[in-house]
Amino acid sequence: MSFKLGLHFEAVGRAFLEGKGFKIIESNYYTRYGEIDIIAMKDDVLHFIEVKYSKSDPYRKFSKAKMSRVIKSALLYLQDKELDNNFCIDALAIHNEKINLYENLSFGGSYH
């Protein structure tokens, strides 16, 4: 997927999340571990959200390795911003016109 197309689907994702009551804090936050597509707040919980689009099954694109990098990036974000909020890792899967939000993902294992 092209960079431009990726930005388009992240914008679609932000609009979807705002419609669900999320407040977007940041987009495309970069760390040495990678990028967090969207950082949002809802009900005093920070959500670190990975956005994936696919013509088939976008949920299959969420690997344990990718989520491990998102978790490490989230922990760096909390440290850099000196925050101690509750947080979760979410996935936003976009397939054609359908959007699914998978909240508070857990892939098991250690993320140190």
PDB file of N, CA and C in Angstrom:
ATOM      1  N   MET A   1       0.857  -1.174   0.000  1.00  0.00           N
ATOM      2  CA  MET A   1       0.000   0.000   0.000  1.00  0.00           C
ATOM      3  C   MET A   1       0.897   1.228   0.000  1.00  0.00           C
ATOM      4  N   SER A   2       0.526   2.223  -0.766  1.00  0.00           N
ATOM      5  CA  SER A   2       1.329   3.426  -0.864  1.00  0.00           C
ATOM      6  C   SER A   2       1.198   4.277   0.392  1.00  0.00           C
ATOM      7  N   PHE A   3       2.191   5.130   0.594  1.00  0.00           N
ATOM      8  CA  PHE A   3       2.195   6.039   1.737  1.00  0.00           C
ATOM      9  C   PHE A   3       0.950   6.924   1.724  1.00  0.00           C
ATOM     10  N   LYS A   4       0.611   7.438   0.541  1.00  0.00           N
ATOM     11  CA  LYS A   4      -0.552   8.325   0.407  1.00  0.00           C
ATOM     12  C   LYS A   4      -1.851   7.590   0.756  1.00  0.00           C
ATOM     13  N   LEU A   5      -1.975   6.365   0.294  1.00  0.00           N
ATOM     14  CA  LEU A   5      -3.165   5.568   0.592  1.00  0.00           C
ATOM     15  C   LEU A   5      -3.235   5.256   2.083  1.00  0.00           C
ATOM     16  N   GLY A   6      -2.081   4.973   2.686  1.00  0.00           N
ATOM     17  CA  GLY A   6      -2.030   4.730   4.125  1.00  0.00           C
ATOM     18  C   GLY A   6      -2.520   5.934   4.912  1.00  0.00           C
ATOM     19  N   LEU A   7      -2.099   7.127   4.509  1.00  0.00           N
ATOM     20  CA  LEU A   7      -2.561   8.354   5.179  1.00  0.00           C
ATOM     21  C   LEU A   7      -4.067   8.523   5.032  1.00  0.00           C
ATOM     22  N   HIS A   8      -4.592   8.165   3.861  1.00  0.00           N
ATOM     23  CA  HIS A   8      -6.041   8.261   3.636  1.00  0.00           C
ATOM     24  C   HIS A   8      -6.795   7.368   4.625  1.00  0.00           C
ATOM     25  N   PHE A   9      -6.367   6.128   4.765  1.00  0.00           N
ATOM     26  CA  PHE A   9      -7.080   5.207   5.654  1.00  0.00           C
ATOM     27  C   PHE A   9      -6.889   5.572   7.123  1.00  0.00           C
ATOM     28  N   GLU A  10      -5.760   6.167   7.463  1.00  0.00           N
ATOM     29  CA  GLU A  10      -5.596   6.665   8.828  1.00  0.00           C
ATOM     30  C   GLU A  10      -6.569   7.816   9.098  1.00  0.00           C
ATOM     31  N   ALA A  11      -6.797   8.676   8.103  1.00  0.00           N
ATOM     32  CA  ALA A  11      -7.782   9.757   8.248  1.00  0.00           C
ATOM     33  C   ALA A  11      -9.188   9.182   8.400  1.00  0.00           C
ATOM     34  N   VAL A  12      -9.504   8.155   7.625  1.00  0.00           N
ATOM     35  CA  VAL A  12     -10.794   7.465   7.760  1.00  0.00           C
ATOM     36  C   VAL A  12     -10.916   6.895   9.171  1.00  0.00           C
ATOM     37  N   GLY A  13      -9.844   6.303   9.657  1.00  0.00           N
ATOM     38  CA  GLY A  13      -9.830   5.737  11.003  1.00  0.00           C
ATOM     39  C   GLY A  13     -10.038   6.789  12.077  1.00  0.00           C
ATOM     40  N   ARG A  14      -9.377   7.936  11.940  1.00  0.00           N
ATOM     41  CA  ARG A  14      -9.554   9.018  12.922  1.00  0.00           C
ATOM     42  C   ARG A  14     -11.001   9.485  12.956  1.00  0.00           C
ATOM     43  N   ALA A  15     -11.608   9.664  11.796  1.00  0.00           N
ATOM     44  CA  ALA A  15     -13.012  10.100  11.740  1.00  0.00           C
ATOM     45  C   ALA A  15     -13.922   9.062  12.400  1.00  0.00           C
ATOM     46  N   PHE A  16     -13.671   7.800  12.134  1.00  0.00           N
ATOM     47  CA  PHE A  16     -14.454   6.720  12.749  1.00  0.00           C
ATOM     48  C   PHE A  16     -14.338   6.781  14.270  1.00  0.00           C
ATOM     49  N   LEU A  17     -13.112   6.904  14.763  1.00  0.00           N
ATOM     50  CA  LEU A  17     -12.881   6.941  16.208  1.00  0.00           C
ATOM     51  C   LEU A  17     -13.537   8.155  16.856  1.00  0.00           C
ATOM     52  N   GLU A  18     -13.429   9.310  16.219  1.00  0.00           N
ATOM     53  CA  GLU A  18     -14.077  10.509  16.757  1.00  0.00           C
ATOM     54  C   GLU A  18     -15.581  10.311  16.847  1.00  0.00           C
ATOM     55  N   GLY A  19     -16.151   9.640  15.865  1.00  0.00           N
ATOM     56  CA  GLY A  19     -17.578   9.332  15.884  1.00  0.00           C
ATOM     57  C   GLY A  19     -17.970   8.382  17.003  1.00  0.00           C
ATOM     58  N   LYS A  20     -16.994   7.635  17.519  1.00  0.00           N
ATOM     59  CA  LYS A  20     -17.226   6.703  18.630  1.00  0.00           C
ATOM     60  C   LYS A  20     -16.858   7.317  19.982  1.00  0.00           C
ATOM     61  N   GLY A  21     -16.569   8.624  19.989  1.00  0.00           N
ATOM     62  CA  GLY A  21     -16.297   9.307  21.251  1.00  0.00           C
ATOM     63  C   GLY A  21     -14.838   9.387  21.662  1.00  0.00           C
ATOM     64  N   PHE A  22     -13.932   8.988  20.792  1.00  0.00           N
ATOM     65  CA  PHE A  22     -12.506   9.105  21.085  1.00  0.00           C
ATOM     66  C   PHE A  22     -12.035  10.528  20.802  1.00  0.00           C
ATOM     67  N   LYS A  23     -11.092  11.007  21.595  1.00  0.00           N
ATOM     68  CA  LYS A  23     -10.434  12.286  21.331  1.00  0.00           C
ATOM     69  C   LYS A  23      -9.044  11.961  20.797  1.00  0.00           C
ATOM     70  N   ILE A  24      -8.772  12.386  19.575  1.00  0.00           N
ATOM     71  CA  ILE A  24      -7.479  12.111  18.956  1.00  0.00           C
ATOM     72  C   ILE A  24      -6.429  13.012  19.606  1.00  0.00           C
ATOM     73  N   ILE A  25      -5.372  12.404  20.114  1.00  0.00           N
ATOM     74  CA  ILE A  25      -4.285  13.130  20.763  1.00  0.00           C
ATOM     75  C   ILE A  25      -3.148  13.381  19.778  1.00  0.00           C
ATOM     76  N   GLU A  26      -2.734  12.338  19.074  1.00  0.00           N
ATOM     77  CA  GLU A  26      -1.649  12.443  18.096  1.00  0.00           C
ATOM     78  C   GLU A  26      -1.838  11.400  17.008  1.00  0.00           C
ATOM     79  N   SER A  27      -1.198  11.678  15.878  1.00  0.00           N
ATOM     80  CA  SER A  27      -1.156  10.711  14.780  1.00  0.00           C
ATOM     81  C   SER A  27       0.288  10.560  14.329  1.00  0.00           C
ATOM     82  N   ASN A  28       0.606   9.382  13.853  1.00  0.00           N
ATOM     83  CA  ASN A  28       1.925   9.096  13.288  1.00  0.00           C
ATOM     84  C   ASN A  28       3.052   9.466  14.246  1.00  0.00           C
ATOM     85  N   TYR A  29       2.985   8.911  15.446  1.00  0.00           N
ATOM     86  CA  TYR A  29       4.010   9.155  16.463  1.00  0.00           C
ATOM     87  C   TYR A  29       5.141   8.152  16.256  1.00  0.00           C
ATOM     88  N   TYR A  30       6.348   8.668  16.048  1.00  0.00           N
ATOM     89  CA  TYR A  30       7.495   7.819  15.732  1.00  0.00           C
ATOM     90  C   TYR A  30       8.402   7.621  16.942  1.00  0.00           C
ATOM     91  N   THR A  31       8.874   6.385  17.115  1.00  0.00           N
ATOM     92  CA  THR A  31       9.886   6.055  18.113  1.00  0.00           C
ATOM     93  C   THR A  31      10.933   5.176  17.436  1.00  0.00           C
ATOM     94  N   ARG A  32      11.955   4.805  18.180  1.00  0.00           N
ATOM     95  CA  ARG A  32      12.980   3.926  17.601  1.00  0.00           C
ATOM     96  C   ARG A  32      12.433   2.533  17.284  1.00  0.00           C
ATOM     97  N   TYR A  33      11.274   2.195  17.840  1.00  0.00           N
ATOM     98  CA  TYR A  33      10.663   0.891  17.583  1.00  0.00           C
ATOM     99  C   TYR A  33       9.696   0.908  16.407  1.00  0.00           C
ATOM    100  N   GLY A  34       9.304   2.088  15.982  1.00  0.00           N
ATOM    101  CA  GLY A  34       8.359   2.193  14.882  1.00  0.00           C
ATOM    102  C   GLY A  34       7.346   3.292  15.127  1.00  0.00           C
ATOM    103  N   GLU A  35       6.269   3.224  14.389  1.00  0.00           N
ATOM    104  CA  GLU A  35       5.246   4.268  14.400  1.00  0.00           C
ATOM    105  C   GLU A  35       3.967   3.769  15.063  1.00  0.00           C
ATOM    106  N   ILE A  36       3.341   4.673  15.801  1.00  0.00           N
ATOM    107  CA  ILE A  36       1.979   4.435  16.286  1.00  0.00           C
ATOM    108  C   ILE A  36       1.077   5.277  15.396  1.00  0.00           C
ATOM    109  N   ASP A  37       0.120   4.640  14.736  1.00  0.00           N
ATOM    110  CA  ASP A  37      -0.723   5.359  13.784  1.00  0.00           C
ATOM    111  C   ASP A  37      -1.573   6.423  14.459  1.00  0.00           C
ATOM    112  N   ILE A  38      -2.275   6.047  15.523  1.00  0.00           N
ATOM    113  CA  ILE A  38      -3.184   6.976  16.201  1.00  0.00           C
ATOM    114  C   ILE A  38      -3.063   6.782  17.711  1.00  0.00           C
ATOM    115  N   ILE A  39      -2.990   7.900  18.421  1.00  0.00           N
ATOM    116  CA  ILE A  39      -3.063   7.885  19.882  1.00  0.00           C
ATOM    117  C   ILE A  39      -4.312   8.668  20.242  1.00  0.00           C
ATOM    118  N   ALA A  40      -5.208   8.033  20.982  1.00  0.00           N
ATOM    119  CA  ALA A  40      -6.495   8.656  21.300  1.00  0.00           C
ATOM    120  C   ALA A  40      -6.848   8.398  22.761  1.00  0.00           C
ATOM    121  N   MET A  41      -7.753   9.219  23.276  1.00  0.00           N
ATOM    122  CA  MET A  41      -8.204   9.090  24.664  1.00  0.00           C
ATOM    123  C   MET A  41      -9.708   8.851  24.668  1.00  0.00           C
ATOM    124  N   LYS A  42     -10.128   7.926  25.525  1.00  0.00           N
ATOM    125  CA  LYS A  42     -11.553   7.702  25.755  1.00  0.00           C
ATOM    126  C   LYS A  42     -11.713   7.154  27.165  1.00  0.00           C
ATOM    127  N   ASP A  43     -12.606   7.765  27.925  1.00  0.00           N
ATOM    128  CA  ASP A  43     -12.886   7.324  29.296  1.00  0.00           C
ATOM    129  C   ASP A  43     -11.605   7.229  30.134  1.00  0.00           C
ATOM    130  N   ASP A  44     -10.747   8.242  30.009  1.00  0.00           N
ATOM    131  CA  ASP A  44      -9.490   8.326  30.774  1.00  0.00           C
ATOM    132  C   ASP A  44      -8.504   7.204  30.478  1.00  0.00           C
ATOM    133  N   VAL A  45      -8.669   6.528  29.362  1.00  0.00           N
ATOM    134  CA  VAL A  45      -7.734   5.486  28.933  1.00  0.00           C
ATOM    135  C   VAL A  45      -7.102   5.927  27.617  1.00  0.00           C
ATOM    136  N   LEU A  46      -5.762   5.857  27.549  1.00  0.00           N
ATOM    137  CA  LEU A  46      -5.063   6.138  26.302  1.00  0.00           C
ATOM    138  C   LEU A  46      -5.111   4.898  25.417  1.00  0.00           C
ATOM    139  N   HIS A  47      -5.478   5.095  24.171  1.00  0.00           N
ATOM    140  CA  HIS A  47      -5.542   4.004  23.199  1.00  0.00           C
ATOM    141  C   HIS A  47      -4.449   4.232  22.156  1.00  0.00           C
ATOM    142  N   PHE A  48      -3.580   3.254  22.001  1.00  0.00           N
ATOM    143  CA  PHE A  48      -2.553   3.273  20.971  1.00  0.00           C
ATOM    144  C   PHE A  48      -3.063   2.358  19.865  1.00  0.00           C
ATOM    145  N   ILE A  49      -3.342   2.958  18.710  1.00  0.00           N
ATOM    146  CA  ILE A  49      -4.134   2.266  17.690  1.00  0.00           C
ATOM    147  C   ILE A  49      -3.334   2.079  16.402  1.00  0.00           C
ATOM    148  N   GLU A  50      -3.268   0.839  15.961  1.00  0.00           N
ATOM    149  CA  GLU A  50      -2.651   0.479  14.694  1.00  0.00           C
ATOM    150  C   GLU A  50      -3.762   0.339  13.660  1.00  0.00           C
ATOM    151  N   VAL A  51      -3.600   1.015  12.522  1.00  0.00           N
ATOM    152  CA  VAL A  51      -4.605   0.989  11.458  1.00  0.00           C
ATOM    153  C   VAL A  51      -4.102   0.100  10.326  1.00  0.00           C
ATOM    154  N   LYS A  52      -4.955  -0.815   9.880  1.00  0.00           N
ATOM    155  CA  LYS A  52      -4.614  -1.678   8.750  1.00  0.00           C
ATOM    156  C   LYS A  52      -5.777  -1.720   7.773  1.00  0.00           C
ATOM    157  N   TYR A  53      -5.426  -1.646   6.490  1.00  0.00           N
ATOM    158  CA  TYR A  53      -6.407  -1.798   5.420  1.00  0.00           C
ATOM    159  C   TYR A  53      -5.990  -3.005   4.590  1.00  0.00           C
ATOM    160  N   SER A  54      -6.970  -3.739   4.139  1.00  0.00           N
ATOM    161  CA  SER A  54      -6.693  -4.856   3.245  1.00  0.00           C
ATOM    162  C   SER A  54      -7.921  -5.140   2.398  1.00  0.00           C
ATOM    163  N   LYS A  55      -7.674  -5.629   1.204  1.00  0.00           N
ATOM    164  CA  LYS A  55      -8.778  -6.035   0.341  1.00  0.00           C
ATOM    165  C   LYS A  55      -9.347  -7.375   0.776  1.00  0.00           C
ATOM    166  N   SER A  56      -8.590  -8.123   1.584  1.00  0.00           N
ATOM    167  CA  SER A  56      -9.095  -9.415   2.066  1.00  0.00           C
ATOM    168  C   SER A  56      -9.419  -9.311   3.549  1.00  0.00           C
ATOM    169  N   ASP A  57      -8.550  -9.779   4.420  1.00  0.00           N
ATOM    170  CA  ASP A  57      -8.813  -9.776   5.859  1.00  0.00           C
ATOM    171  C   ASP A  57      -7.743  -8.953   6.567  1.00  0.00           C
ATOM    172  N   PRO A  58      -8.018  -7.687   6.868  1.00  0.00           N
ATOM    173  CA  PRO A  58      -6.988  -6.832   7.465  1.00  0.00           C
ATOM    174  C   PRO A  58      -6.536  -7.290   8.841  1.00  0.00           C
ATOM    175  N   TYR A  59      -7.386  -8.017   9.561  1.00  0.00           N
ATOM    176  CA  TYR A  59      -7.000  -8.460  10.903  1.00  0.00           C
ATOM    177  C   TYR A  59      -5.777  -9.378  10.857  1.00  0.00           C
ATOM    178  N   ARG A  60      -5.607 -10.101   9.761  1.00  0.00           N
ATOM    179  CA  ARG A  60      -4.456 -11.001   9.617  1.00  0.00           C
ATOM    180  C   ARG A  60      -3.133 -10.236   9.552  1.00  0.00           C
ATOM    181  N   LYS A  61      -3.185  -8.947   9.292  1.00  0.00           N
ATOM    182  CA  LYS A  61      -1.971  -8.141   9.192  1.00  0.00           C
ATOM    183  C   LYS A  61      -1.435  -7.708  10.555  1.00  0.00           C
ATOM    184  N   PHE A  62      -2.130  -8.032  11.631  1.00  0.00           N
ATOM    185  CA  PHE A  62      -1.693  -7.660  12.975  1.00  0.00           C
ATOM    186  C   PHE A  62      -0.893  -8.814  13.576  1.00  0.00           C
ATOM    187  N   SER A  63       0.401  -8.751  13.410  1.00  0.00           N
ATOM    188  CA  SER A  63       1.255  -9.821  13.922  1.00  0.00           C
ATOM    189  C   SER A  63       1.678  -9.534  15.361  1.00  0.00           C
ATOM    190  N   LYS A  64       2.114 -10.579  16.040  1.00  0.00           N
ATOM    191  CA  LYS A  64       2.625 -10.415  17.401  1.00  0.00           C
ATOM    192  C   LYS A  64       3.844  -9.496  17.388  1.00  0.00           C
ATOM    193  N   ALA A  65       4.708  -9.637  16.393  1.00  0.00           N
ATOM    194  CA  ALA A  65       5.906  -8.795  16.301  1.00  0.00           C
ATOM    195  C   ALA A  65       5.533  -7.321  16.139  1.00  0.00           C
ATOM    196  N   LYS A  66       4.555  -7.035  15.287  1.00  0.00           N
ATOM    197  CA  LYS A  66       4.120  -5.647  15.090  1.00  0.00           C
ATOM    198  C   LYS A  66       3.515  -5.097  16.373  1.00  0.00           C
ATOM    199  N   MET A  67       2.679  -5.869  17.029  1.00  0.00           N
ATOM    200  CA  MET A  67       2.064  -5.392  18.267  1.00  0.00           C
ATOM    201  C   MET A  67       3.111  -5.198  19.360  1.00  0.00           C
ATOM    202  N   SER A  68       4.144  -6.029  19.365  1.00  0.00           N
ATOM    203  CA  SER A  68       5.232  -5.854  20.325  1.00  0.00           C
ATOM    204  C   SER A  68       5.912  -4.505  20.116  1.00  0.00           C
ATOM    205  N   ARG A  69       6.140  -4.131  18.853  1.00  0.00           N
ATOM    206  CA  ARG A  69       6.742  -2.825  18.556  1.00  0.00           C
ATOM    207  C   ARG A  69       5.814  -1.687  18.962  1.00  0.00           C
ATOM    208  N   VAL A  70       4.512  -1.856  18.753  1.00  0.00           N
ATOM    209  CA  VAL A  70       3.551  -0.825  19.157  1.00  0.00           C
ATOM    210  C   VAL A  70       3.557  -0.677  20.680  1.00  0.00           C
ATOM    211  N   ILE A  71       3.607  -1.785  21.395  1.00  0.00           N
ATOM    212  CA  ILE A  71       3.636  -1.726  22.860  1.00  0.00           C
ATOM    213  C   ILE A  71       4.895  -1.014  23.339  1.00  0.00           C
ATOM    214  N   LYS A  72       6.042  -1.365  22.778  1.00  0.00           N
ATOM    215  CA  LYS A  72       7.290  -0.694  23.160  1.00  0.00           C
ATOM    216  C   LYS A  72       7.216   0.799  22.849  1.00  0.00           C
ATOM    217  N   SER A  73       6.647   1.143  21.707  1.00  0.00           N
ATOM    218  CA  SER A  73       6.483   2.553  21.347  1.00  0.00           C
ATOM    219  C   SER A  73       5.537   3.257  22.307  1.00  0.00           C
ATOM    220  N   ALA A  74       4.467   2.575  22.703  1.00  0.00           N
ATOM    221  CA  ALA A  74       3.509   3.152  23.655  1.00  0.00           C
ATOM    222  C   ALA A  74       4.181   3.424  24.995  1.00  0.00           C
ATOM    223  N   LEU A  75       4.989   2.487  25.457  1.00  0.00           N
ATOM    224  CA  LEU A  75       5.692   2.680  26.727  1.00  0.00           C
ATOM    225  C   LEU A  75       6.668   3.854  26.646  1.00  0.00           C
ATOM    226  N   LEU A  76       7.341   4.007  25.507  1.00  0.00           N
ATOM    227  CA  LEU A  76       8.219   5.167  25.318  1.00  0.00           C
ATOM    228  C   LEU A  76       7.422   6.466  25.307  1.00  0.00           C
ATOM    229  N   TYR A  77       6.267   6.450  24.657  1.00  0.00           N
ATOM    230  CA  TYR A  77       5.405   7.634  24.620  1.00  0.00           C
ATOM    231  C   TYR A  77       5.030   8.049  26.040  1.00  0.00           C
ATOM    232  N   LEU A  78       4.589   7.096  26.844  1.00  0.00           N
ATOM    233  CA  LEU A  78       4.200   7.391  28.224  1.00  0.00           C
ATOM    234  C   LEU A  78       5.382   7.948  29.013  1.00  0.00           C
ATOM    235  N   GLN A  79       6.547   7.387  28.789  1.00  0.00           N
ATOM    236  CA  GLN A  79       7.750   7.860  29.474  1.00  0.00           C
ATOM    237  C   GLN A  79       8.118   9.271  29.011  1.00  0.00           C
ATOM    238  N   ASP A  80       8.145   9.482  27.697  1.00  0.00           N
ATOM    239  CA  ASP A  80       8.520  10.788  27.144  1.00  0.00           C
ATOM    240  C   ASP A  80       7.572  11.895  27.583  1.00  0.00           C
ATOM    241  N   LYS A  81       6.292  11.569  27.676  1.00  0.00           N
ATOM    242  CA  LYS A  81       5.277  12.568  28.049  1.00  0.00           C
ATOM    243  C   LYS A  81       5.048  12.618  29.562  1.00  0.00           C
ATOM    244  N   GLU A  82       5.774  11.761  30.296  1.00  0.00           N
ATOM    245  CA  GLU A  82       5.649  11.677  31.757  1.00  0.00           C
ATOM    246  C   GLU A  82       4.198  11.440  32.182  1.00  0.00           C
ATOM    247  N   LEU A  83       3.587  10.437  31.555  1.00  0.00           N
ATOM    248  CA  LEU A  83       2.198  10.070  31.827  1.00  0.00           C
ATOM    249  C   LEU A  83       2.148   8.734  32.551  1.00  0.00           C
ATOM    250  N   ASP A  84       1.127   8.566  33.360  1.00  0.00           N
ATOM    251  CA  ASP A  84       0.924   7.263  34.002  1.00  0.00           C
ATOM    252  C   ASP A  84      -0.511   6.771  33.801  1.00  0.00           C
ATOM    253  N   ASN A  85      -1.084   7.164  32.668  1.00  0.00           N
ATOM    254  CA  ASN A  85      -2.448   6.757  32.333  1.00  0.00           C
ATOM    255  C   ASN A  85      -2.553   5.253  32.135  1.00  0.00           C
ATOM    256  N   ASN A  86      -3.754   4.730  32.382  1.00  0.00           N
ATOM    257  CA  ASN A  86      -4.067   3.394  31.901  1.00  0.00           C
ATOM    258  C   ASN A  86      -4.054   3.461  30.386  1.00  0.00           C
ATOM    259  N   PHE A  87      -3.632   2.376  29.752  1.00  0.00           N
ATOM    260  CA  PHE A  87      -3.597   2.385  28.292  1.00  0.00           C
ATOM    261  C   PHE A  87      -3.914   1.000  27.759  1.00  0.00           C
ATOM    262  N   CYS A  88      -4.237   0.966  26.478  1.00  0.00           N
ATOM    263  CA  CYS A  88      -4.436  -0.304  25.800  1.00  0.00           C
ATOM    264  C   CYS A  88      -3.976  -0.181  24.360  1.00  0.00           C
ATOM    265  N   ILE A  89      -3.740  -1.326  23.762  1.00  0.00           N
ATOM    266  CA  ILE A  89      -3.334  -1.411  22.366  1.00  0.00           C
ATOM    267  C   ILE A  89      -4.542  -1.896  21.578  1.00  0.00           C
ATOM    268  N   ASP A  90      -4.904  -1.137  20.554  1.00  0.00           N
ATOM    269  CA  ASP A  90      -6.070  -1.453  19.737  1.00  0.00           C
ATOM    270  C   ASP A  90      -5.655  -1.625  18.279  1.00  0.00           C
ATOM    271  N   ALA A  91      -6.505  -2.271  17.525  1.00  0.00           N
ATOM    272  CA  ALA A  91      -6.316  -2.415  16.089  1.00  0.00           C
ATOM    273  C   ALA A  91      -7.582  -1.946  15.389  1.00  0.00           C
ATOM    274  N   LEU A  92      -7.402  -1.162  14.356  1.00  0.00           N
ATOM    275  CA  LEU A  92      -8.519  -0.694  13.542  1.00  0.00           C
ATOM    276  C   LEU A  92      -8.349  -1.323  12.164  1.00  0.00           C
ATOM    277  N   ALA A  93      -9.236  -2.237  11.825  1.00  0.00           N
ATOM    278  CA  ALA A  93      -9.156  -2.972  10.567  1.00  0.00           C
ATOM    279  C   ALA A  93     -10.183  -2.410   9.588  1.00  0.00           C
ATOM    280  N   ILE A  94      -9.697  -2.006   8.423  1.00  0.00           N
ATOM    281  CA  ILE A  94     -10.574  -1.436   7.396  1.00  0.00           C
ATOM    282  C   ILE A  94     -10.572  -2.372   6.195  1.00  0.00           C
ATOM    283  N   HIS A  95     -11.766  -2.791   5.802  1.00  0.00           N
ATOM    284  CA  HIS A  95     -11.936  -3.696   4.670  1.00  0.00           C
ATOM    285  C   HIS A  95     -13.113  -3.183   3.857  1.00  0.00           C
ATOM    286  N   ASN A  96     -12.827  -2.707   2.652  1.00  0.00           N
ATOM    287  CA  ASN A  96     -13.842  -2.074   1.809  1.00  0.00           C
ATOM    288  C   ASN A  96     -14.508  -0.948   2.596  1.00  0.00           C
ATOM    289  N   GLU A  97     -15.785  -0.995   2.820  1.00  0.00           N
ATOM    290  CA  GLU A  97     -16.494   0.054   3.560  1.00  0.00           C
ATOM    291  C   GLU A  97     -16.688  -0.298   5.032  1.00  0.00           C
ATOM    292  N   LYS A  98     -16.186  -1.445   5.451  1.00  0.00           N
ATOM    293  CA  LYS A  98     -16.393  -1.910   6.820  1.00  0.00           C
ATOM    294  C   LYS A  98     -15.177  -1.586   7.687  1.00  0.00           C
ATOM    295  N   ILE A  99     -15.443  -1.076   8.891  1.00  0.00           N
ATOM    296  CA  ILE A  99     -14.387  -0.755   9.850  1.00  0.00           C
ATOM    297  C   ILE A  99     -14.677  -1.501  11.145  1.00  0.00           C
ATOM    298  N   ASN A 100     -13.684  -2.224  11.636  1.00  0.00           N
ATOM    299  CA  ASN A 100     -13.801  -2.935  12.912  1.00  0.00           C
ATOM    300  C   ASN A 100     -12.719  -2.449  13.858  1.00  0.00           C
ATOM    301  N   LEU A 101     -13.118  -2.132  15.075  1.00  0.00           N
ATOM    302  CA  LEU A 101     -12.173  -1.744  16.113  1.00  0.00           C
ATOM    303  C   LEU A 101     -12.022  -2.907  17.081  1.00  0.00           C
ATOM    304  N   TYR A 102     -10.794  -3.392  17.223  1.00  0.00           N
ATOM    305  CA  TYR A 102     -10.473  -4.457  18.167  1.00  0.00           C
ATOM    306  C   TYR A 102      -9.722  -3.809  19.321  1.00  0.00           C
ATOM    307  N   GLU A 103     -10.380  -3.722  20.470  1.00  0.00           N
ATOM    308  CA  GLU A 103      -9.805  -3.001  21.603  1.00  0.00           C
ATOM    309  C   GLU A 103      -9.082  -3.935  22.567  1.00  0.00           C
ATOM    310  N   ASN A 104      -8.064  -3.358  23.190  1.00  0.00           N
ATOM    311  CA  ASN A 104      -7.329  -4.014  24.271  1.00  0.00           C
ATOM    312  C   ASN A 104      -6.798  -5.387  23.855  1.00  0.00           C
ATOM    313  N   LEU A 105      -6.024  -5.390  22.780  1.00  0.00           N
ATOM    314  CA  LEU A 105      -5.463  -6.632  22.252  1.00  0.00           C
ATOM    315  C   LEU A 105      -4.397  -7.195  23.174  1.00  0.00           C
ATOM    316  N   SER A 106      -4.307  -8.486  23.197  1.00  0.00           N
ATOM    317  CA  SER A 106      -3.252  -9.172  23.934  1.00  0.00           C
ATOM    318  C   SER A 106      -2.763 -10.320  23.071  1.00  0.00           C
ATOM    319  N   PHE A 107      -1.461 -10.334  22.828  1.00  0.00           N
ATOM    320  CA  PHE A 107      -0.878 -11.399  22.025  1.00  0.00           C
ATOM    321  C   PHE A 107      -0.047 -12.345  22.874  1.00  0.00           C
ATOM    322  N   GLY A 108      -0.110 -12.173  24.195  1.00  0.00           N
ATOM    323  CA  GLY A 108       0.650 -13.033  25.096  1.00  0.00           C
ATOM    324  C   GLY A 108       2.139 -12.771  25.014  1.00  0.00           C
ATOM    325  N   GLY A 109       2.871 -13.309  25.950  1.00  0.00           N
ATOM    326  CA  GLY A 109       4.320 -13.173  25.930  1.00  0.00           C
ATOM    327  C   GLY A 109       4.808 -11.893  26.569  1.00  0.00           C
ATOM    328  N   SER A 110       6.112 -11.728  26.522  1.00  0.00           N
ATOM    329  CA  SER A 110       6.768 -10.571  27.129  1.00  0.00           C
ATOM    330  C   SER A 110       7.083  -9.527  26.068  1.00  0.00           C
ATOM    331  N   TYR A 111       7.011  -8.273  26.445  1.00  0.00           N
ATOM    332  CA  TYR A 111       7.276  -7.181  25.503  1.00  0.00           C
ATOM    333  C   TYR A 111       8.439  -6.317  25.965  1.00  0.00           C
ATOM    334  N   HIS A 112       9.341  -6.864  26.768  1.00  0.00           N
ATOM    335  CA  HIS A 112      10.474  -6.083  27.288  1.00  0.00           C
ATOM    336  C   HIS A 112      11.572  -6.003  26.263  1.00  0.00           C
TER     337      HIS A 112
END
